[in-house]
């Protein structure tokens, strides 16, 4: 189906068109186009206006009124179909606007639920971050304690080595 912007642009184009001529004018123009020999004979004939008009009318072999009438009806039906399609697209566009509005209202309520879910997730993440910080502090303290113990042991080992070295020198 057409999207909303395309439908709106088509409707703006069709609504800005000039009104189509009436059935009688369509019939007259179709008749003149179908029987173009009237115009060409009128232009090519010599004499005054009435002589030219008589020559143009007698130039018609067969008038074919029914065929011209059917062509005019066909053109008029196309015109009515175009107007009907314009009406239906305007109706579809209005329905689309209503559906969009309804969807926005539904989305508003869903958005509140989404915000609640987001806040719950944020609280959970906050708790996890605090637990992670506590674990980090604990590991840093354990590391520092291990470093202190190793330094203390190293200092004691160095004292013992110094005592052993003095003891071995005194012997």
C-alpha atoms as a PDB file:
ATOM      1  CA  UNK A   1       0.000   0.000   0.000  1.00  0.00           C
ATOM      2  CA  UNK A   2       1.118   3.569  -0.529  1.00  0.00           C
ATOM      3  CA  UNK A   3       2.729   5.299   2.393  1.00  0.00           C
ATOM      4  CA  UNK A   4       1.223   8.408   3.926  1.00  0.00           C
ATOM      5  CA  UNK A   5       3.528  10.970   2.275  1.00  0.00           C
ATOM      6  CA  UNK A   6       2.982   9.563  -1.227  1.00  0.00           C
ATOM      7  CA  UNK A   7      -0.770   9.459  -0.709  1.00  0.00           C
ATOM      8  CA  UNK A   8      -0.804  13.058   0.498  1.00  0.00           C
ATOM      9  CA  UNK A   9       1.254  14.291  -2.456  1.00  0.00           C
ATOM     10  CA  UNK A  10      -1.052  12.497  -4.921  1.00  0.00           C
ATOM     11  CA  UNK A  11      -4.101  14.015  -3.275  1.00  0.00           C
ATOM     12  CA  UNK A  12      -2.625  17.504  -3.295  1.00  0.00           C
ATOM     13  CA  UNK A  13      -1.908  17.110  -7.009  1.00  0.00           C
ATOM     14  CA  UNK A  14      -5.406  15.859  -7.854  1.00  0.00           C
ATOM     15  CA  UNK A  15      -7.176  18.428  -5.726  1.00  0.00           C
ATOM     16  CA  UNK A  16      -5.277  21.289  -7.353  1.00  0.00           C
ATOM     17  CA  UNK A  17      -6.402  20.280 -10.849  1.00  0.00           C
ATOM     18  CA  UNK A  18      -8.984  22.387 -12.656  1.00  0.00           C
ATOM     19  CA  UNK A  19     -12.475  20.916 -12.778  1.00  0.00           C
ATOM     20  CA  UNK A  20     -13.082  18.663 -15.776  1.00  0.00           C
ATOM     21  CA  UNK A  21     -15.511  19.835 -18.460  1.00  0.00           C
ATOM     22  CA  UNK A  22     -19.101  18.655 -18.481  1.00  0.00           C
ATOM     23  CA  UNK A  23     -20.376  15.682 -20.458  1.00  0.00           C
ATOM     24  CA  UNK A  24     -21.659  17.888 -23.292  1.00  0.00           C
ATOM     25  CA  UNK A  25     -18.305  19.656 -23.731  1.00  0.00           C
ATOM     26  CA  UNK A  26     -16.496  16.322 -23.705  1.00  0.00           C
ATOM     27  CA  UNK A  27     -18.909  15.061 -26.355  1.00  0.00           C
ATOM     28  CA  UNK A  28     -18.407  18.116 -28.558  1.00  0.00           C
ATOM     29  CA  UNK A  29     -14.605  17.956 -28.351  1.00  0.00           C
ATOM     30  CA  UNK A  30     -14.599  14.207 -28.968  1.00  0.00           C
ATOM     31  CA  UNK A  31     -16.917  14.652 -31.923  1.00  0.00           C
ATOM     32  CA  UNK A  32     -14.689  17.376 -33.379  1.00  0.00           C
ATOM     33  CA  UNK A  33     -11.554  15.281 -32.838  1.00  0.00           C
ATOM     34  CA  UNK A  34     -13.203  12.210 -34.370  1.00  0.00           C
ATOM     35  CA  UNK A  35     -14.436  14.155 -37.360  1.00  0.00           C
ATOM     36  CA  UNK A  36     -11.351  16.247 -37.946  1.00  0.00           C
ATOM     37  CA  UNK A  37     -12.151  16.418 -41.677  1.00  0.00           C
ATOM     38  CA  UNK A  38     -14.720  19.092 -40.775  1.00  0.00           C
ATOM     39  CA  UNK A  39     -11.969  21.391 -39.580  1.00  0.00           C
ATOM     40  CA  UNK A  40      -9.548  20.591 -42.398  1.00  0.00           C
ATOM     41  CA  UNK A  41     -12.256  21.032 -45.063  1.00  0.00           C
ATOM     42  CA  UNK A  42     -13.370  24.284 -43.449  1.00  0.00           C
ATOM     43  CA  UNK A  43      -9.815  25.625 -43.569  1.00  0.00           C
ATOM     44  CA  UNK A  44      -9.127  24.417 -47.119  1.00  0.00           C
ATOM     45  CA  UNK A  45     -12.451  25.531 -48.660  1.00  0.00           C
ATOM     46  CA  UNK A  46     -12.681  28.810 -50.577  1.00  0.00           C
ATOM     47  CA  UNK A  47     -15.358  31.394 -50.251  1.00  0.00           C
ATOM     48  CA  UNK A  48     -17.045  33.164 -47.362  1.00  0.00           C
ATOM     49  CA  UNK A  49     -17.802  31.677 -43.933  1.00  0.00           C
ATOM     50  CA  UNK A  50     -21.108  30.057 -44.936  1.00  0.00           C
ATOM     51  CA  UNK A  51     -19.618  28.428 -48.015  1.00  0.00           C
ATOM     52  CA  UNK A  52     -16.799  27.011 -45.908  1.00  0.00           C
ATOM     53  CA  UNK A  53     -19.262  25.749 -43.242  1.00  0.00           C
ATOM     54  CA  UNK A  54     -21.449  24.027 -45.865  1.00  0.00           C
ATOM     55  CA  UNK A  55     -18.413  22.371 -47.463  1.00  0.00           C
ATOM     56  CA  UNK A  56     -17.243  21.144 -44.021  1.00  0.00           C
ATOM     57  CA  UNK A  57     -20.648  19.655 -43.132  1.00  0.00           C
ATOM     58  CA  UNK A  58     -21.006  17.891 -46.505  1.00  0.00           C
ATOM     59  CA  UNK A  59     -17.467  16.486 -46.137  1.00  0.00           C
ATOM     60  CA  UNK A  60     -18.707  13.984 -43.572  1.00  0.00           C
ATOM     61  CA  UNK A  61     -19.375  10.622 -45.170  1.00  0.00           C
ATOM     62  CA  UNK A  62     -20.977   9.156 -42.064  1.00  0.00           C
ATOM     63  CA  UNK A  63     -21.473  10.929 -38.757  1.00  0.00           C
ATOM     64  CA  UNK A  64     -20.993   7.929 -36.419  1.00  0.00           C
ATOM     65  CA  UNK A  65     -22.838   9.553 -33.534  1.00  0.00           C
ATOM     66  CA  UNK A  66     -23.011   6.322 -31.526  1.00  0.00           C
ATOM     67  CA  UNK A  67     -19.248   5.716 -31.667  1.00  0.00           C
ATOM     68  CA  UNK A  68     -18.528   9.283 -30.587  1.00  0.00           C
ATOM     69  CA  UNK A  69     -21.114   8.911 -27.808  1.00  0.00           C
ATOM     70  CA  UNK A  70     -19.459   5.688 -26.591  1.00  0.00           C
ATOM     71  CA  UNK A  71     -16.008   7.301 -26.604  1.00  0.00           C
ATOM     72  CA  UNK A  72     -17.418  10.257 -24.664  1.00  0.00           C
ATOM     73  CA  UNK A  73     -19.009   7.875 -22.146  1.00  0.00           C
ATOM     74  CA  UNK A  74     -15.670   6.093 -21.779  1.00  0.00           C
ATOM     75  CA  UNK A  75     -13.837   9.378 -21.109  1.00  0.00           C
ATOM     76  CA  UNK A  76     -16.546  10.410 -18.635  1.00  0.00           C
ATOM     77  CA  UNK A  77     -16.289   7.036 -16.833  1.00  0.00           C
ATOM     78  CA  UNK A  78     -12.520   7.495 -16.542  1.00  0.00           C
ATOM     79  CA  UNK A  79     -13.126  10.923 -15.067  1.00  0.00           C
ATOM     80  CA  UNK A  80     -15.622   9.531 -12.528  1.00  0.00           C
ATOM     81  CA  UNK A  81     -13.251   6.675 -11.653  1.00  0.00           C
ATOM     82  CA  UNK A  82     -10.469   9.196 -11.062  1.00  0.00           C
ATOM     83  CA  UNK A  83     -12.753  11.204  -8.745  1.00  0.00           C
ATOM     84  CA  UNK A  84     -13.752   7.997  -6.930  1.00  0.00           C
ATOM     85  CA  UNK A  85     -10.117   6.970  -6.457  1.00  0.00           C
ATOM     86  CA  UNK A  86      -9.341  10.444  -5.137  1.00  0.00           C
ATOM     87  CA  UNK A  87     -12.191  10.131  -2.652  1.00  0.00           C
ATOM     88  CA  UNK A  88     -11.059   6.661  -1.546  1.00  0.00           C
ATOM     89  CA  UNK A  89      -7.460   7.802  -1.098  1.00  0.00           C
ATOM     90  CA  UNK A  90      -8.626  10.776   0.977  1.00  0.00           C
ATOM     91  CA  UNK A  91     -10.653   8.347   3.087  1.00  0.00           C
ATOM     92  CA  UNK A  92      -7.668   6.004   3.455  1.00  0.00           C
ATOM     93  CA  UNK A  93      -5.466   8.941   4.428  1.00  0.00           C
ATOM     94  CA  UNK A  94      -7.943  10.017   7.097  1.00  0.00           C
ATOM     95  CA  UNK A  95      -8.091   6.446   8.425  1.00  0.00           C
ATOM     96  CA  UNK A  96      -4.294   6.340   8.471  1.00  0.00           C
ATOM     97  CA  UNK A  97      -4.231   9.555  10.507  1.00  0.00           C
ATOM     98  CA  UNK A  98      -6.735   8.092  12.984  1.00  0.00           C
ATOM     99  CA  UNK A  99      -4.787   4.832  13.234  1.00  0.00           C
ATOM    100  CA  UNK A 100      -1.591   6.816  13.776  1.00  0.00           C
ATOM    101  CA  UNK A 101      -3.266   8.826  16.547  1.00  0.00           C
ATOM    102  CA  UNK A 102      -4.614   5.667  18.163  1.00  0.00           C
ATOM    103  CA  UNK A 103      -1.204   4.034  17.857  1.00  0.00           C
ATOM    104  CA  UNK A 104       0.383   7.057  19.504  1.00  0.00           C
ATOM    105  CA  UNK A 105      -2.075   6.806  22.417  1.00  0.00           C
ATOM    106  CA  UNK A 106      -1.339   3.088  22.782  1.00  0.00           C
ATOM    107  CA  UNK A 107       2.347   3.840  22.550  1.00  0.00           C
ATOM    108  CA  UNK A 108       1.977   6.405  25.332  1.00  0.00           C
ATOM    109  CA  UNK A 109       0.698   3.718  27.699  1.00  0.00           C
ATOM    110  CA  UNK A 110       3.310   1.241  26.526  1.00  0.00           C
ATOM    111  CA  UNK A 111       5.929   3.905  26.984  1.00  0.00           C
ATOM    112  CA  UNK A 112       4.979   4.229  30.677  1.00  0.00           C
ATOM    113  CA  UNK A 113       5.482   0.486  31.079  1.00  0.00           C
ATOM    114  CA  UNK A 114       8.743   0.761  29.205  1.00  0.00           C
ATOM    115  CA  UNK A 115       9.889   3.514  31.533  1.00  0.00           C
ATOM    116  CA  UNK A 116       8.976   1.391  34.555  1.00  0.00           C
ATOM    117  CA  UNK A 117      10.899  -1.553  33.093  1.00  0.00           C
ATOM    118  CA  UNK A 118      13.826   0.718  32.342  1.00  0.00           C
ATOM    119  CA  UNK A 119      13.856   2.069  35.897  1.00  0.00           C
ATOM    120  CA  UNK A 120      13.715  -1.474  37.330  1.00  0.00           C
ATOM    121  CA  UNK A 121      16.632  -2.476  35.111  1.00  0.00           C
ATOM    122  CA  UNK A 122      18.490   0.642  36.176  1.00  0.00           C
ATOM    123  CA  UNK A 123      17.981  -0.210  39.877  1.00  0.00           C
ATOM    124  CA  UNK A 124      19.222  -3.761  39.280  1.00  0.00           C
ATOM    125  CA  UNK A 125      22.277  -2.429  37.463  1.00  0.00           C
ATOM    126  CA  UNK A 126      22.888   0.038  40.277  1.00  0.00           C
ATOM    127  CA  UNK A 127      22.839  -2.795  42.840  1.00  0.00           C
ATOM    128  CA  UNK A 128      25.177  -4.882  40.692  1.00  0.00           C
ATOM    129  CA  UNK A 129      27.545  -1.920  40.360  1.00  0.00           C
ATOM    130  CA  UNK A 130      27.566  -1.414  44.138  1.00  0.00           C
ATOM    131  CA  UNK A 131      28.282  -5.135  44.682  1.00  0.00           C
ATOM    132  CA  UNK A 132      31.068  -4.931  42.113  1.00  0.00           C
ATOM    133  CA  UNK A 133      32.576  -1.898  43.892  1.00  0.00           C
ATOM    134  CA  UNK A 134      32.418  -3.756  47.239  1.00  0.00           C
ATOM    135  CA  UNK A 135      34.149  -6.789  45.692  1.00  0.00           C
ATOM    136  CA  UNK A 136      36.800  -4.510  44.195  1.00  0.00           C
ATOM    137  CA  UNK A 137      37.456  -2.844  47.563  1.00  0.00           C
ATOM    138  CA  UNK A 138      37.677  -6.245  49.232  1.00  0.00           C
ATOM    139  CA  UNK A 139      40.109  -7.556  46.603  1.00  0.00           C
ATOM    140  CA  UNK A 140      42.258  -4.401  46.913  1.00  0.00           C
ATOM    141  CA  UNK A 141      42.336  -4.812  50.698  1.00  0.00           C
ATOM    142  CA  UNK A 142      43.250  -8.490  50.346  1.00  0.00           C
ATOM    143  CA  UNK A 143      45.973  -7.593  47.854  1.00  0.00           C
ATOM    144  CA  UNK A 144      47.359  -4.929  50.175  1.00  0.00           C
ATOM    145  CA  UNK A 145      47.235  -7.348  53.102  1.00  0.00           C
ATOM    146  CA  UNK A 146      49.082  -9.969  51.033  1.00  0.00           C
ATOM    147  CA  UNK A 147      51.705  -7.375  50.045  1.00  0.00           C
ATOM    148  CA  UNK A 148      52.116  -6.362  53.711  1.00  0.00           C
ATOM    149  CA  UNK A 149      52.539  -9.983  54.780  1.00  0.00           C
ATOM    150  CA  UNK A 150      55.053 -10.658  52.026  1.00  0.00           C
ATOM    151  CA  UNK A 151      57.013  -7.495  52.967  1.00  0.00           C
ATOM    152  CA  UNK A 152      56.925  -8.498  56.627  1.00  0.00           C
ATOM    153  CA  UNK A 153      58.101 -12.018  55.767  1.00  0.00           C
ATOM    154  CA  UNK A 154      60.790 -10.633  53.485  1.00  0.00           C
ATOM    155  CA  UNK A 155      61.965  -8.308  56.242  1.00  0.00           C
ATOM    156  CA  UNK A 156      62.084 -11.228  58.703  1.00  0.00           C
ATOM    157  CA  UNK A 157      63.984 -13.359  56.170  1.00  0.00           C
ATOM    158  CA  UNK A 158      66.496 -10.544  55.667  1.00  0.00           C
ATOM    159  CA  UNK A 159      66.936 -10.199  59.459  1.00  0.00           C
ATOM    160  CA  UNK A 160      67.436 -13.946  59.765  1.00  0.00           C
ATOM    161  CA  UNK A 161      69.976 -13.883  56.942  1.00  0.00           C
ATOM    162  CA  UNK A 162      71.758 -11.011  58.628  1.00  0.00           C
ATOM    163  CA  UNK A 163      71.728 -12.925  61.945  1.00  0.00           C
ATOM    164  CA  UNK A 164      73.029 -16.043  60.199  1.00  0.00           C
ATOM    165  CA  UNK A 165      75.735 -14.072  58.471  1.00  0.00           C
ATOM    166  CA  UNK A 166      76.808 -12.521  61.815  1.00  0.00           C
ATOM    167  CA  UNK A 167      76.627 -15.894  63.516  1.00  0.00           C
ATOM    168  CA  UNK A 168      78.705 -17.523  60.808  1.00  0.00           C
ATOM    169  CA  UNK A 169      81.263 -14.661  60.978  1.00  0.00           C
ATOM    170  CA  UNK A 170      81.512 -14.929  64.763  1.00  0.00           C
ATOM    171  CA  UNK A 171      82.336 -18.598  64.757  1.00  0.00           C
END
